[in-house]
Amino acid sequence: MKSDNLCPQSEIELFPVFSEEDTEEVSALAKEIWHEHYDPIIGKEQVDYMTEKFQSKEAMMEQMEKEGYRYYRLVSKDGPAGYIAYRTDSEGLFLSKIYIGKKYRGRGYSRRVMVFLEQCCKEQTLHRIWLTVNRNNTASIAAYDKLGFSKIRTLVTDIGSGFVMDDYIMEKVIGP
């Protein structure tokens, strides 16, 4: 599979997710990253629920087939490092998922992903990347701040089974 690497000198490459095998790999990675990162923030029970509802192989396949999401695996020279998912519409590019494994954080991978996403925006004449982030996820909020995102507003979403997502909406304006 061809990589969509926009940073040839970087040690991270982006590979589009197409096959069920790729999706299974991303789903397994999602469970690992989510439990490591989110259990202390929202609790194991909600993480179990959310990974099954939004990060399972079946959920990802449906998002790609019916909702226009594009998934990419982030692969370093040491192996799978994380993944992203986004969709575009007239409002801009919605960065639904950007998750990097703990041992790969702090290496500039998020910044390299932003180069890729900004290029996607330019190719489609989109002027905005936006995302949601849990209001208690201080480490990710700080990373998004460094990447040029600003908090726009809060959003509380009922996701079922008694769980809610209590988020900030953040955006980054992309120049012409």
C-alpha atoms as a PDB file:
ATOM      1  CA  MET A   1       0.000   0.000   0.000  1.00  0.00           C
ATOM      2  CA  LYS A   2       1.306   3.428  -0.938  1.00  0.00           C
ATOM      3  CA  SER A   3       2.038   5.856   1.882  1.00  0.00           C
ATOM      4  CA  ASP A   4       0.716   9.413   1.895  1.00  0.00           C
ATOM      5  CA  ASN A   5       3.877  10.713   3.517  1.00  0.00           C
ATOM      6  CA  LEU A   6       4.241  14.460   3.083  1.00  0.00           C
ATOM      7  CA  CYS A   7       7.334  14.657   5.246  1.00  0.00           C
ATOM      8  CA  PRO A   8       9.901  12.423   3.574  1.00  0.00           C
ATOM      9  CA  GLN A   9      12.552  13.196   6.191  1.00  0.00           C
ATOM     10  CA  SER A  10      10.218  12.274   9.052  1.00  0.00           C
ATOM     11  CA  GLU A  11      10.170   8.933  10.760  1.00  0.00           C
ATOM     12  CA  ILE A  12       6.370   8.671  10.469  1.00  0.00           C
ATOM     13  CA  GLU A  13       4.288   7.722   7.437  1.00  0.00           C
ATOM     14  CA  LEU A  14       0.541   7.806   6.867  1.00  0.00           C
ATOM     15  CA  PHE A  15      -1.078   4.809   5.202  1.00  0.00           C
ATOM     16  CA  PRO A  16      -4.742   4.881   4.131  1.00  0.00           C
ATOM     17  CA  VAL A  17      -6.966   2.278   5.761  1.00  0.00           C
ATOM     18  CA  PHE A  18      -8.942   0.293   3.202  1.00  0.00           C
ATOM     19  CA  SER A  19      -9.011  -3.370   4.133  1.00  0.00           C
ATOM     20  CA  GLU A  20     -10.695  -5.188   6.992  1.00  0.00           C
ATOM     21  CA  GLU A  21      -7.222  -6.252   8.128  1.00  0.00           C
ATOM     22  CA  ASP A  22      -6.115  -2.597   8.332  1.00  0.00           C
ATOM     23  CA  THR A  23      -9.303  -1.739  10.206  1.00  0.00           C
ATOM     24  CA  GLU A  24      -8.762  -4.570  12.693  1.00  0.00           C
ATOM     25  CA  GLU A  25      -5.233  -3.292  13.328  1.00  0.00           C
ATOM     26  CA  VAL A  26      -6.481   0.254  13.933  1.00  0.00           C
ATOM     27  CA  SER A  27      -9.279  -0.987  16.217  1.00  0.00           C
ATOM     28  CA  ALA A  28      -6.802  -2.955  18.351  1.00  0.00           C
ATOM     29  CA  LEU A  29      -4.532   0.086  18.510  1.00  0.00           C
ATOM     30  CA  ALA A  30      -7.521   2.246  19.482  1.00  0.00           C
ATOM     31  CA  LYS A  31      -8.353   0.041  22.480  1.00  0.00           C
ATOM     32  CA  GLU A  32      -4.746   0.143  23.662  1.00  0.00           C
ATOM     33  CA  ILE A  33      -4.365   3.918  23.291  1.00  0.00           C
ATOM     34  CA  TRP A  34      -7.815   4.757  24.643  1.00  0.00           C
ATOM     35  CA  HIS A  35      -7.425   2.684  27.804  1.00  0.00           C
ATOM     36  CA  GLU A  36      -3.959   4.047  28.479  1.00  0.00           C
ATOM     37  CA  HIS A  37      -4.979   7.665  27.925  1.00  0.00           C
ATOM     38  CA  TYR A  38      -8.677   7.939  28.780  1.00  0.00           C
ATOM     39  CA  ASP A  39      -9.251   5.527  31.695  1.00  0.00           C
ATOM     40  CA  PRO A  40      -7.916   8.148  34.171  1.00  0.00           C
ATOM     41  CA  ILE A  41     -10.010  10.904  32.536  1.00  0.00           C
ATOM     42  CA  ILE A  42     -13.427   9.292  31.918  1.00  0.00           C
ATOM     43  CA  GLY A  43     -13.131   5.831  33.492  1.00  0.00           C
ATOM     44  CA  LYS A  44     -12.699   2.305  32.158  1.00  0.00           C
ATOM     45  CA  GLU A  45     -16.446   1.660  31.787  1.00  0.00           C
ATOM     46  CA  GLN A  46     -16.976   4.643  29.474  1.00  0.00           C
ATOM     47  CA  VAL A  47     -13.810   3.832  27.531  1.00  0.00           C
ATOM     48  CA  ASP A  48     -15.040   0.261  26.993  1.00  0.00           C
ATOM     49  CA  TYR A  49     -18.380   1.610  25.767  1.00  0.00           C
ATOM     50  CA  MET A  50     -16.837   4.241  23.469  1.00  0.00           C
ATOM     51  CA  THR A  51     -14.229   1.945  21.924  1.00  0.00           C
ATOM     52  CA  GLU A  52     -16.949  -0.568  21.076  1.00  0.00           C
ATOM     53  CA  LYS A  53     -19.397   2.063  19.778  1.00  0.00           C
ATOM     54  CA  PHE A  54     -16.935   4.283  17.844  1.00  0.00           C
ATOM     55  CA  GLN A  55     -13.598   2.456  17.514  1.00  0.00           C
ATOM     56  CA  SER A  56     -14.537  -1.153  16.756  1.00  0.00           C
ATOM     57  CA  LYS A  57     -13.757  -2.615  13.345  1.00  0.00           C
ATOM     58  CA  GLU A  58     -17.475  -2.588  12.493  1.00  0.00           C
ATOM     59  CA  ALA A  59     -17.939   1.037  13.585  1.00  0.00           C
ATOM     60  CA  MET A  60     -14.915   2.164  11.570  1.00  0.00           C
ATOM     61  CA  MET A  61     -16.038   0.289   8.461  1.00  0.00           C
ATOM     62  CA  GLU A  62     -19.470   1.907   8.709  1.00  0.00           C
ATOM     63  CA  GLN A  63     -17.946   5.365   9.206  1.00  0.00           C
ATOM     64  CA  MET A  64     -15.850   4.906   6.078  1.00  0.00           C
ATOM     65  CA  GLU A  65     -18.608   3.358   3.942  1.00  0.00           C
ATOM     66  CA  LYS A  66     -21.584   5.504   4.987  1.00  0.00           C
ATOM     67  CA  GLU A  67     -20.299   8.693   6.598  1.00  0.00           C
ATOM     68  CA  GLY A  68     -17.345   9.661   4.400  1.00  0.00           C
ATOM     69  CA  TYR A  69     -14.610   9.199   7.005  1.00  0.00           C
ATOM     70  CA  ARG A  70     -11.044   8.552   5.915  1.00  0.00           C
ATOM     71  CA  TYR A  71      -8.774   6.611   8.258  1.00  0.00           C
ATOM     72  CA  TYR A  72      -4.984   6.552   8.164  1.00  0.00           C
ATOM     73  CA  ARG A  73      -2.526   4.430  10.097  1.00  0.00           C
ATOM     74  CA  LEU A  74       0.522   6.258  11.454  1.00  0.00           C
ATOM     75  CA  VAL A  75       3.545   4.005  11.116  1.00  0.00           C
ATOM     76  CA  SER A  76       7.004   4.765  12.445  1.00  0.00           C
ATOM     77  CA  LYS A  77      10.179   2.848  11.779  1.00  0.00           C
ATOM     78  CA  ASP A  78       9.396   0.994  15.046  1.00  0.00           C
ATOM     79  CA  GLY A  79       5.888  -0.056  14.002  1.00  0.00           C
ATOM     80  CA  PRO A  80       2.300   1.204  14.393  1.00  0.00           C
ATOM     81  CA  ALA A  81       2.344   4.542  16.215  1.00  0.00           C
ATOM     82  CA  GLY A  82      -1.273   5.686  15.996  1.00  0.00           C
ATOM     83  CA  TYR A  83      -4.073   6.645  13.653  1.00  0.00           C
ATOM     84  CA  ILE A  84      -6.234   9.505  12.453  1.00  0.00           C
ATOM     85  CA  ALA A  85      -9.702   9.815  10.955  1.00  0.00           C
ATOM     86  CA  TYR A  86     -11.368  12.786   9.334  1.00  0.00           C
ATOM     87  CA  ARG A  87     -14.198  13.779   7.049  1.00  0.00           C
ATOM     88  CA  THR A  88     -14.739  16.888   4.981  1.00  0.00           C
ATOM     89  CA  ASP A  89     -17.832  18.924   4.189  1.00  0.00           C
ATOM     90  CA  SER A  90     -18.731  22.499   3.327  1.00  0.00           C
ATOM     91  CA  GLU A  91     -17.814  23.566   6.882  1.00  0.00           C
ATOM     92  CA  GLY A  92     -14.229  22.335   6.611  1.00  0.00           C
ATOM     93  CA  LEU A  93     -12.274  19.317   7.729  1.00  0.00           C
ATOM     94  CA  PHE A  94     -13.510  17.593  10.895  1.00  0.00           C
ATOM     95  CA  LEU A  95     -10.605  15.827  12.606  1.00  0.00           C
ATOM     96  CA  SER A  96     -12.556  13.103  14.347  1.00  0.00           C
ATOM     97  CA  LYS A  97      -9.612  11.098  15.628  1.00  0.00           C
ATOM     98  CA  ILE A  98      -5.938  11.679  16.180  1.00  0.00           C
ATOM     99  CA  TYR A  99      -4.450   9.160  18.559  1.00  0.00           C
ATOM    100  CA  ILE A 100      -0.768   8.480  19.087  1.00  0.00           C
ATOM    101  CA  GLY A 101       0.586   5.718  21.307  1.00  0.00           C
ATOM    102  CA  LYS A 102       2.252   6.794  24.536  1.00  0.00           C
ATOM    103  CA  LYS A 103       5.794   5.798  23.530  1.00  0.00           C
ATOM    104  CA  TYR A 104       5.467   7.854  20.314  1.00  0.00           C
ATOM    105  CA  ARG A 105       4.235  11.104  21.857  1.00  0.00           C
ATOM    106  CA  GLY A 106       6.527  14.100  21.948  1.00  0.00           C
ATOM    107  CA  ARG A 107       8.220  13.240  18.635  1.00  0.00           C
ATOM    108  CA  GLY A 108       6.415  15.843  16.528  1.00  0.00           C
ATOM    109  CA  TYR A 109       4.043  13.347  14.890  1.00  0.00           C
ATOM    110  CA  SER A 110       0.974  15.529  15.529  1.00  0.00           C
ATOM    111  CA  ARG A 111       2.682  18.433  13.803  1.00  0.00           C
ATOM    112  CA  ARG A 112       3.470  16.202  10.819  1.00  0.00           C
ATOM    113  CA  VAL A 113      -0.162  15.048  10.709  1.00  0.00           C
ATOM    114  CA  MET A 114      -1.219  18.713  10.649  1.00  0.00           C
ATOM    115  CA  VAL A 115       0.954  19.305   7.572  1.00  0.00           C
ATOM    116  CA  PHE A 116      -0.892  16.448   5.877  1.00  0.00           C
ATOM    117  CA  LEU A 117      -4.341  17.740   6.940  1.00  0.00           C
ATOM    118  CA  GLU A 118      -3.569  21.323   5.924  1.00  0.00           C
ATOM    119  CA  GLN A 119      -2.538  20.027   2.508  1.00  0.00           C
ATOM    120  CA  CYS A 120      -5.867  18.153   2.271  1.00  0.00           C
ATOM    121  CA  CYS A 121      -7.650  21.422   3.088  1.00  0.00           C
ATOM    122  CA  LYS A 122      -5.732  23.355   0.441  1.00  0.00           C
ATOM    123  CA  GLU A 123      -6.487  20.721  -2.192  1.00  0.00           C
ATOM    124  CA  GLN A 124     -10.209  20.992  -1.407  1.00  0.00           C
ATOM    125  CA  THR A 125     -10.243  24.772  -0.757  1.00  0.00           C
ATOM    126  CA  LEU A 126     -11.302  24.270   2.854  1.00  0.00           C
ATOM    127  CA  HIS A 127     -10.358  26.964   5.338  1.00  0.00           C
ATOM    128  CA  ARG A 128     -10.940  25.304   8.677  1.00  0.00           C
ATOM    129  CA  ILE A 129      -9.918  22.215  10.636  1.00  0.00           C
ATOM    130  CA  TRP A 130     -12.053  21.552  13.677  1.00  0.00           C
ATOM    131  CA  LEU A 131     -12.222  18.884  16.365  1.00  0.00           C
ATOM    132  CA  THR A 132     -13.751  18.009  19.703  1.00  0.00           C
ATOM    133  CA  VAL A 133     -11.656  17.287  22.790  1.00  0.00           C
ATOM    134  CA  ASN A 134     -12.686  16.268  26.303  1.00  0.00           C
ATOM    135  CA  ARG A 135     -12.563  19.314  28.573  1.00  0.00           C
ATOM    136  CA  ASN A 136     -10.489  17.368  31.139  1.00  0.00           C
ATOM    137  CA  ASN A 137      -7.950  16.174  28.563  1.00  0.00           C
ATOM    138  CA  THR A 138      -5.437  18.868  29.456  1.00  0.00           C
ATOM    139  CA  ALA A 139      -2.462  17.274  27.698  1.00  0.00           C
ATOM    140  CA  SER A 140      -4.267  17.090  24.354  1.00  0.00           C
ATOM    141  CA  ILE A 141      -5.701  20.589  24.750  1.00  0.00           C
ATOM    142  CA  ALA A 142      -2.169  21.916  25.314  1.00  0.00           C
ATOM    143  CA  ALA A 143      -0.953  20.048  22.206  1.00  0.00           C
ATOM    144  CA  TYR A 144      -3.784  21.504  20.103  1.00  0.00           C
ATOM    145  CA  ASP A 145      -2.992  24.983  21.409  1.00  0.00           C
ATOM    146  CA  LYS A 146       0.617  24.530  20.233  1.00  0.00           C
ATOM    147  CA  LEU A 147      -0.651  23.397  16.833  1.00  0.00           C
ATOM    148  CA  GLY A 148      -2.611  26.648  16.410  1.00  0.00           C
ATOM    149  CA  PHE A 149      -6.103  25.586  17.485  1.00  0.00           C
ATOM    150  CA  SER A 150      -8.405  27.829  19.516  1.00  0.00           C
ATOM    151  CA  LYS A 151     -11.332  26.923  21.753  1.00  0.00           C
ATOM    152  CA  ILE A 152     -14.596  27.977  20.113  1.00  0.00           C
ATOM    153  CA  ARG A 153     -17.240  26.662  22.522  1.00  0.00           C
ATOM    154  CA  THR A 154     -18.257  23.752  24.723  1.00  0.00           C
ATOM    155  CA  LEU A 155     -20.396  20.835  23.634  1.00  0.00           C
ATOM    156  CA  VAL A 156     -22.071  18.154  25.775  1.00  0.00           C
ATOM    157  CA  THR A 157     -23.276  15.132  23.781  1.00  0.00           C
ATOM    158  CA  ASP A 158     -25.332  12.232  25.102  1.00  0.00           C
ATOM    159  CA  ILE A 159     -23.787   9.100  23.569  1.00  0.00           C
ATOM    160  CA  GLY A 160     -26.131   6.588  25.169  1.00  0.00           C
ATOM    161  CA  SER A 161     -26.019   4.127  28.082  1.00  0.00           C
ATOM    162  CA  GLY A 162     -25.848   7.024  30.553  1.00  0.00           C
ATOM    163  CA  PHE A 163     -22.602   8.425  29.137  1.00  0.00           C
ATOM    164  CA  VAL A 164     -21.902  11.914  27.813  1.00  0.00           C
ATOM    165  CA  MET A 165     -19.001  13.549  26.053  1.00  0.00           C
ATOM    166  CA  ASP A 166     -18.139  16.882  27.695  1.00  0.00           C
ATOM    167  CA  ASP A 167     -15.988  18.580  25.081  1.00  0.00           C
ATOM    168  CA  TYR A 168     -14.493  21.745  23.754  1.00  0.00           C
ATOM    169  CA  ILE A 169     -14.836  22.434  20.063  1.00  0.00           C
ATOM    170  CA  MET A 170     -11.499  23.721  18.817  1.00  0.00           C
ATOM    171  CA  GLU A 171     -10.614  25.021  15.381  1.00  0.00           C
ATOM    172  CA  LYS A 172      -7.673  26.081  13.318  1.00  0.00           C
ATOM    173  CA  VAL A 173      -8.169  28.494  10.457  1.00  0.00           C
ATOM    174  CA  ILE A 174      -6.264  27.552   7.296  1.00  0.00           C
ATOM    175  CA  GLY A 175      -5.155  30.353   5.009  1.00  0.00           C
ATOM    176  CA  PRO A 176      -5.892  30.402   1.269  1.00  0.00           C
END
